C-alpha atoms as a PDB file:
ATOM      1  CA  UNK A   1    -136.488   3.235 -37.861  1.00  0.00           C
ATOM      2  CA  UNK A   2    -133.392   3.315 -40.212  1.00  0.00           C
ATOM      3  CA  UNK A   3    -129.998   4.373 -39.207  1.00  0.00           C
ATOM      4  CA  UNK A   4    -127.925   6.039 -41.820  1.00  0.00           C
ATOM      5  CA  UNK A   5    -123.981   6.097 -41.786  1.00  0.00           C
ATOM      6  CA  UNK A   6    -121.722   7.783 -44.345  1.00  0.00           C
ATOM      7  CA  UNK A   7    -118.110   8.051 -45.159  1.00  0.00           C
ATOM      8  CA  UNK A   8    -116.460   9.378 -48.353  1.00  0.00           C
ATOM      9  CA  UNK A   9    -118.592   8.422 -51.187  1.00  0.00           C
ATOM     10  CA  UNK A  10    -120.490   5.539 -49.471  1.00  0.00           C
ATOM     11  CA  UNK A  11    -123.846   5.658 -47.721  1.00  0.00           C
ATOM     12  CA  UNK A  12    -125.252   2.685 -45.627  1.00  0.00           C
ATOM     13  CA  UNK A  13    -128.794   2.267 -44.287  1.00  0.00           C
ATOM     14  CA  UNK A  14    -129.491  -0.227 -41.575  1.00  0.00           C
ATOM     15  CA  UNK A  15    -132.884  -1.073 -40.057  1.00  0.00           C
ATOM     16  CA  UNK A  16    -133.288  -1.513 -36.278  1.00  0.00           C
ATOM     17  CA  UNK A  17    -135.534  -4.485 -37.099  1.00  0.00           C
ATOM     18  CA  UNK A  18    -133.118  -7.303 -37.482  1.00  0.00           C
ATOM     19  CA  UNK A  19    -130.208  -4.899 -37.692  1.00  0.00           C
ATOM     20  CA  UNK A  20    -130.465  -5.566 -41.471  1.00  0.00           C
ATOM     21  CA  UNK A  21    -128.346  -3.747 -43.952  1.00  0.00           C
ATOM     22  CA  UNK A  22    -130.987  -2.306 -46.289  1.00  0.00           C
ATOM     23  CA  UNK A  23    -128.762  -0.224 -48.606  1.00  0.00           C
ATOM     24  CA  UNK A  24    -125.246   0.489 -49.661  1.00  0.00           C
ATOM     25  CA  UNK A  25    -124.821   3.162 -52.122  1.00  0.00           C
ATOM     26  CA  UNK A  26    -121.829   4.713 -53.935  1.00  0.00           C
ATOM     27  CA  UNK A  27    -123.073   8.296 -53.803  1.00  0.00           C
ATOM     28  CA  UNK A  28    -120.568   9.393 -56.619  1.00  0.00           C
ATOM     29  CA  UNK A  29    -122.553   7.482 -59.186  1.00  0.00           C
ATOM     30  CA  UNK A  30    -125.816   6.423 -57.238  1.00  0.00           C
ATOM     31  CA  UNK A  31    -124.811   2.771 -57.565  1.00  0.00           C
ATOM     32  CA  UNK A  32    -126.817   0.543 -55.127  1.00  0.00           C
ATOM     33  CA  UNK A  33    -125.048  -2.614 -54.166  1.00  0.00           C
ATOM     34  CA  UNK A  34    -127.649  -4.246 -52.008  1.00  0.00           C
ATOM     35  CA  UNK A  35    -130.737  -6.211 -53.252  1.00  0.00           C
ATOM     36  CA  UNK A  36    -133.733  -4.073 -52.839  1.00  0.00           C
ATOM     37  CA  UNK A  37    -136.063  -6.639 -51.482  1.00  0.00           C
ATOM     38  CA  UNK A  38    -138.409  -7.297 -54.373  1.00  0.00           C
ATOM     39  CA  UNK A  39    -141.120  -9.400 -52.814  1.00  0.00           C
ATOM     40  CA  UNK A  40    -141.856 -11.202 -56.139  1.00  0.00           C
ATOM     41  CA  UNK A  41    -138.393 -12.781 -55.749  1.00  0.00           C
ATOM     42  CA  UNK A  42    -137.041 -12.386 -52.202  1.00  0.00           C
ATOM     43  CA  UNK A  43    -138.279  -9.838 -49.650  1.00  0.00           C
ATOM     44  CA  UNK A  44    -135.072  -9.315 -47.737  1.00  0.00           C
ATOM     45  CA  UNK A  45    -131.892  -7.418 -48.174  1.00  0.00           C
ATOM     46  CA  UNK A  46    -129.250  -8.857 -45.935  1.00  0.00           C
ATOM     47  CA  UNK A  47    -130.696 -10.534 -42.789  1.00  0.00           C
ATOM     48  CA  UNK A  48    -128.603 -11.773 -39.919  1.00  0.00           C
ATOM     49  CA  UNK A  49    -128.993 -15.520 -39.034  1.00  0.00           C
ATOM     50  CA  UNK A  50    -128.908 -16.328 -35.365  1.00  0.00           C
ATOM     51  CA  UNK A  51    -128.972 -18.276 -33.263  1.00  0.00           C
ATOM     52  CA  UNK A  52    -128.946 -20.880 -36.002  1.00  0.00           C
ATOM     53  CA  UNK A  53    -128.006 -20.991 -39.719  1.00  0.00           C
ATOM     54  CA  UNK A  54    -130.206 -23.338 -41.688  1.00  0.00           C
ATOM     55  CA  UNK A  55    -133.006 -25.372 -40.411  1.00  0.00           C
ATOM     56  CA  UNK A  56    -133.787 -28.055 -37.790  1.00  0.00           C
ATOM     57  CA  UNK A  57    -135.708 -31.056 -38.554  1.00  0.00           C
ATOM     58  CA  UNK A  58    -139.409 -30.125 -38.119  1.00  0.00           C
ATOM     59  CA  UNK A  59    -137.990 -26.748 -36.645  1.00  0.00           C
ATOM     60  CA  UNK A  60    -137.475 -28.398 -33.366  1.00  0.00           C
ATOM     61  CA  UNK A  61    -134.904 -29.185 -30.886  1.00  0.00           C
ATOM     62  CA  UNK A  62    -134.411 -30.723 -27.290  1.00  0.00           C
ATOM     63  CA  UNK A  63    -132.630 -29.033 -24.635  1.00  0.00           C
ATOM     64  CA  UNK A  64    -132.446 -30.189 -20.987  1.00  0.00           C
ATOM     65  CA  UNK A  65    -135.541 -32.426 -21.656  1.00  0.00           C
ATOM     66  CA  UNK A  66    -137.591 -29.639 -23.172  1.00  0.00           C
ATOM     67  CA  UNK A  67    -138.708 -29.113 -26.811  1.00  0.00           C
ATOM     68  CA  UNK A  68    -138.221 -25.795 -28.413  1.00  0.00           C
ATOM     69  CA  UNK A  69    -139.472 -24.536 -31.827  1.00  0.00           C
ATOM     70  CA  UNK A  70    -136.919 -22.528 -33.671  1.00  0.00           C
ATOM     71  CA  UNK A  71    -137.567 -21.439 -37.262  1.00  0.00           C
ATOM     72  CA  UNK A  72    -135.207 -21.655 -40.081  1.00  0.00           C
ATOM     73  CA  UNK A  73    -132.247 -19.242 -39.570  1.00  0.00           C
ATOM     74  CA  UNK A  74    -133.385 -18.311 -36.029  1.00  0.00           C
ATOM     75  CA  UNK A  75    -135.171 -15.199 -34.974  1.00  0.00           C
ATOM     76  CA  UNK A  76    -132.716 -12.232 -35.006  1.00  0.00           C
ATOM     77  CA  UNK A  77    -133.747 -11.121 -38.271  1.00  0.00           C
ATOM     78  CA  UNK A  78    -137.274 -10.481 -37.022  1.00  0.00           C
ATOM     79  CA  UNK A  79    -136.291  -8.867 -33.743  1.00  0.00           C
ATOM     80  CA  UNK A  80    -136.020  -5.207 -32.965  1.00  0.00           C
ATOM     81  CA  UNK A  81    -132.396  -4.312 -31.993  1.00  0.00           C
ATOM     82  CA  UNK A  82    -131.203  -1.514 -29.962  1.00  0.00           C
ATOM     83  CA  UNK A  83    -129.081   1.202 -31.324  1.00  0.00           C
ATOM     84  CA  UNK A  84    -126.192   1.333 -28.813  1.00  0.00           C
ATOM     85  CA  UNK A  85    -123.777   3.647 -30.559  1.00  0.00           C
ATOM     86  CA  UNK A  86    -123.987   5.825 -33.606  1.00  0.00           C
ATOM     87  CA  UNK A  87    -121.341   8.036 -35.383  1.00  0.00           C
ATOM     88  CA  UNK A  88    -121.210   9.429 -38.807  1.00  0.00           C
ATOM     89  CA  UNK A  89    -119.520   6.314 -40.121  1.00  0.00           C
ATOM     90  CA  UNK A  90    -120.351   3.654 -37.556  1.00  0.00           C
ATOM     91  CA  UNK A  91    -123.367   1.978 -36.010  1.00  0.00           C
ATOM     92  CA  UNK A  92    -123.510  -0.473 -33.251  1.00  0.00           C
ATOM     93  CA  UNK A  93    -126.616  -2.632 -32.555  1.00  0.00           C
ATOM     94  CA  UNK A  94    -127.592  -4.867 -29.693  1.00  0.00           C
ATOM     95  CA  UNK A  95    -130.198  -7.678 -29.343  1.00  0.00           C
ATOM     96  CA  UNK A  96    -130.425  -9.244 -25.736  1.00  0.00           C
ATOM     97  CA  UNK A  97    -132.180 -12.333 -24.533  1.00  0.00           C
ATOM     98  CA  UNK A  98    -135.677 -11.813 -23.440  1.00  0.00           C
ATOM     99  CA  UNK A  99    -138.707 -13.739 -22.282  1.00  0.00           C
ATOM    100  CA  UNK A 100    -139.770 -13.758 -26.023  1.00  0.00           C
ATOM    101  CA  UNK A 101    -136.444 -15.207 -27.108  1.00  0.00           C
ATOM    102  CA  UNK A 102    -136.149 -17.722 -24.215  1.00  0.00           C
ATOM    103  CA  UNK A 103    -139.413 -19.230 -25.414  1.00  0.00           C
ATOM    104  CA  UNK A 104    -137.497 -20.481 -28.477  1.00  0.00           C
ATOM    105  CA  UNK A 105    -133.996 -20.473 -27.360  1.00  0.00           C
ATOM    106  CA  UNK A 106    -133.377 -20.881 -23.462  1.00  0.00           C
ATOM    107  CA  UNK A 107    -130.062 -19.083 -23.302  1.00  0.00           C
ATOM    108  CA  UNK A 108    -128.941 -15.688 -21.968  1.00  0.00           C
ATOM    109  CA  UNK A 109    -127.079 -13.734 -24.716  1.00  0.00           C
ATOM    110  CA  UNK A 110    -126.134 -10.385 -26.102  1.00  0.00           C
ATOM    111  CA  UNK A 111    -125.802 -10.095 -29.854  1.00  0.00           C
ATOM    112  CA  UNK A 112    -123.754  -7.047 -31.029  1.00  0.00           C
ATOM    113  CA  UNK A 113    -123.723  -6.122 -34.705  1.00  0.00           C
ATOM    114  CA  UNK A 114    -121.572  -3.311 -35.985  1.00  0.00           C
ATOM    115  CA  UNK A 115    -121.441  -1.542 -39.248  1.00  0.00           C
ATOM    116  CA  UNK A 116    -118.480   0.683 -40.238  1.00  0.00           C
ATOM    117  CA  UNK A 117    -117.798   2.521 -43.359  1.00  0.00           C
ATOM    118  CA  UNK A 118    -114.194   3.328 -44.404  1.00  0.00           C
ATOM    119  CA  UNK A 119    -111.856   3.316 -47.359  1.00  0.00           C
ATOM    120  CA  UNK A 120    -113.758   1.685 -50.068  1.00  0.00           C
ATOM    121  CA  UNK A 121    -115.923  -0.598 -48.157  1.00  0.00           C
ATOM    122  CA  UNK A 122    -118.272  -1.618 -45.270  1.00  0.00           C
ATOM    123  CA  UNK A 123    -117.141  -3.772 -42.399  1.00  0.00           C
ATOM    124  CA  UNK A 124    -119.804  -5.730 -40.584  1.00  0.00           C
ATOM    125  CA  UNK A 125    -118.875  -7.507 -37.334  1.00  0.00           C
ATOM    126  CA  UNK A 126    -120.804  -9.806 -35.172  1.00  0.00           C
ATOM    127  CA  UNK A 127    -120.211 -10.380 -31.399  1.00  0.00           C
ATOM    128  CA  UNK A 128    -122.042 -12.784 -29.271  1.00  0.00           C
ATOM    129  CA  UNK A 129    -121.647 -12.772 -25.532  1.00  0.00           C
ATOM    130  CA  UNK A 130    -122.786 -15.189 -23.045  1.00  0.00           C
ATOM    131  CA  UNK A 131    -124.707 -13.313 -20.367  1.00  0.00           C
ATOM    132  CA  UNK A 132    -125.812 -16.382 -18.459  1.00  0.00           C
ATOM    133  CA  UNK A 133    -124.241 -19.204 -16.636  1.00  0.00           C
ATOM    134  CA  UNK A 134    -125.021 -22.152 -18.971  1.00  0.00           C
ATOM    135  CA  UNK A 135    -122.878 -23.003 -22.007  1.00  0.00           C
ATOM    136  CA  UNK A 136    -124.202 -21.108 -25.087  1.00  0.00           C
ATOM    137  CA  UNK A 137    -124.762 -22.953 -28.187  1.00  0.00           C
ATOM    138  CA  UNK A 138    -125.279 -20.992 -31.309  1.00  0.00           C
ATOM    139  CA  UNK A 139    -124.192 -20.281 -34.980  1.00  0.00           C
ATOM    140  CA  UNK A 140    -124.430 -17.040 -36.840  1.00  0.00           C
ATOM    141  CA  UNK A 141    -124.313 -15.931 -40.223  1.00  0.00           C
ATOM    142  CA  UNK A 142    -124.904 -13.159 -42.809  1.00  0.00           C
ATOM    143  CA  UNK A 143    -127.253 -13.669 -45.847  1.00  0.00           C
ATOM    144  CA  UNK A 144    -126.585 -10.424 -47.913  1.00  0.00           C
ATOM    145  CA  UNK A 145    -128.030 -10.147 -51.302  1.00  0.00           C
ATOM    146  CA  UNK A 146    -126.277  -7.995 -53.952  1.00  0.00           C
ATOM    147  CA  UNK A 147    -127.544  -6.231 -57.054  1.00  0.00           C
ATOM    148  CA  UNK A 148    -125.803  -7.922 -59.935  1.00  0.00           C
ATOM    149  CA  UNK A 149    -125.074  -7.364 -62.583  1.00  0.00           C
ATOM    150  CA  UNK A 150    -123.960  -3.729 -61.635  1.00  0.00           C
ATOM    151  CA  UNK A 151    -122.918  -2.616 -64.992  1.00  0.00           C
ATOM    152  CA  UNK A 152    -124.402  -3.096 -68.378  1.00  0.00           C
ATOM    153  CA  UNK A 153    -122.619  -5.746 -70.459  1.00  0.00           C
ATOM    154  CA  UNK A 154    -121.768  -7.943 -67.450  1.00  0.00           C
ATOM    155  CA  UNK A 155    -123.672 -10.977 -66.327  1.00  0.00           C
ATOM    156  CA  UNK A 156    -124.179 -12.666 -62.902  1.00  0.00           C
ATOM    157  CA  UNK A 157    -121.308 -15.105 -63.715  1.00  0.00           C
ATOM    158  CA  UNK A 158    -118.855 -12.269 -64.029  1.00  0.00           C
ATOM    159  CA  UNK A 159    -119.057 -11.601 -60.158  1.00  0.00           C
ATOM    160  CA  UNK A 160    -117.446 -13.406 -57.449  1.00  0.00           C
ATOM    161  CA  UNK A 161    -116.855 -13.059 -53.577  1.00  0.00           C
ATOM    162  CA  UNK A 162    -113.440 -12.785 -52.109  1.00  0.00           C
ATOM    163  CA  UNK A 163    -112.776 -13.551 -48.436  1.00  0.00           C
ATOM    164  CA  UNK A 164    -109.743 -12.403 -46.518  1.00  0.00           C
ATOM    165  CA  UNK A 165    -107.617 -13.497 -44.837  1.00  0.00           C
ATOM    166  CA  UNK A 166    -107.425 -16.806 -46.674  1.00  0.00           C
ATOM    167  CA  UNK A 167    -108.065 -19.744 -44.388  1.00  0.00           C
ATOM    168  CA  UNK A 168    -108.732 -23.285 -44.600  1.00  0.00           C
ATOM    169  CA  UNK A 169    -112.391 -24.060 -44.036  1.00  0.00           C
ATOM    170  CA  UNK A 170    -113.244 -27.280 -42.092  1.00  0.00           C
ATOM    171  CA  UNK A 171    -116.441 -29.213 -43.005  1.00  0.00           C
ATOM    172  CA  UNK A 172    -117.887 -31.283 -40.100  1.00  0.00           C
ATOM    173  CA  UNK A 173    -120.353 -33.636 -41.624  1.00  0.00           C
ATOM    174  CA  UNK A 174    -123.438 -34.606 -39.377  1.00  0.00           C
ATOM    175  CA  UNK A 175    -124.427 -38.149 -39.213  1.00  0.00           C
ATOM    176  CA  UNK A 176    -128.062 -39.115 -38.523  1.00  0.00           C
ATOM    177  CA  UNK A 177    -131.463 -38.352 -39.763  1.00  0.00           C
ATOM    178  CA  UNK A 178    -131.116 -34.573 -40.485  1.00  0.00           C
ATOM    179  CA  UNK A 179    -132.771 -32.482 -43.082  1.00  0.00           C
END
């Protein structure tokens, strides 16, 4: 199922599978901002990466003496989320730990993802709650793909991403035999 939210001239569609943004359209000119998942190139739109971003060596890790298989970018993108709240301009999705997730990731968690349209944009927020007693190790990320160029006469190189607020980013290099 797909959830649709609207505000002003913007409309967003979000799938319950993976709580993945499928579409963001400016309805005043039918301009689609999100990549439409051409399987010949990349069959996703904007997957959520959780509980890892990236890959593990041989897709395997050890925790408390047991081996676990966790695919690249985790499993959230392939799981069915629950729609917890929906308004005209807002949708809140939830993924909770289960027997299925614990086979790959032995932690209790709640992953909330919200989408809200307003002004001239879409705000996406992630909230991870530890619903268990053990320390919760995770990473999270978004992997949105955009339709560029949007206008005739422009090229891919004419576009950039701007993040705010401006902050210093810290790089923590890993040492060892990693991929």
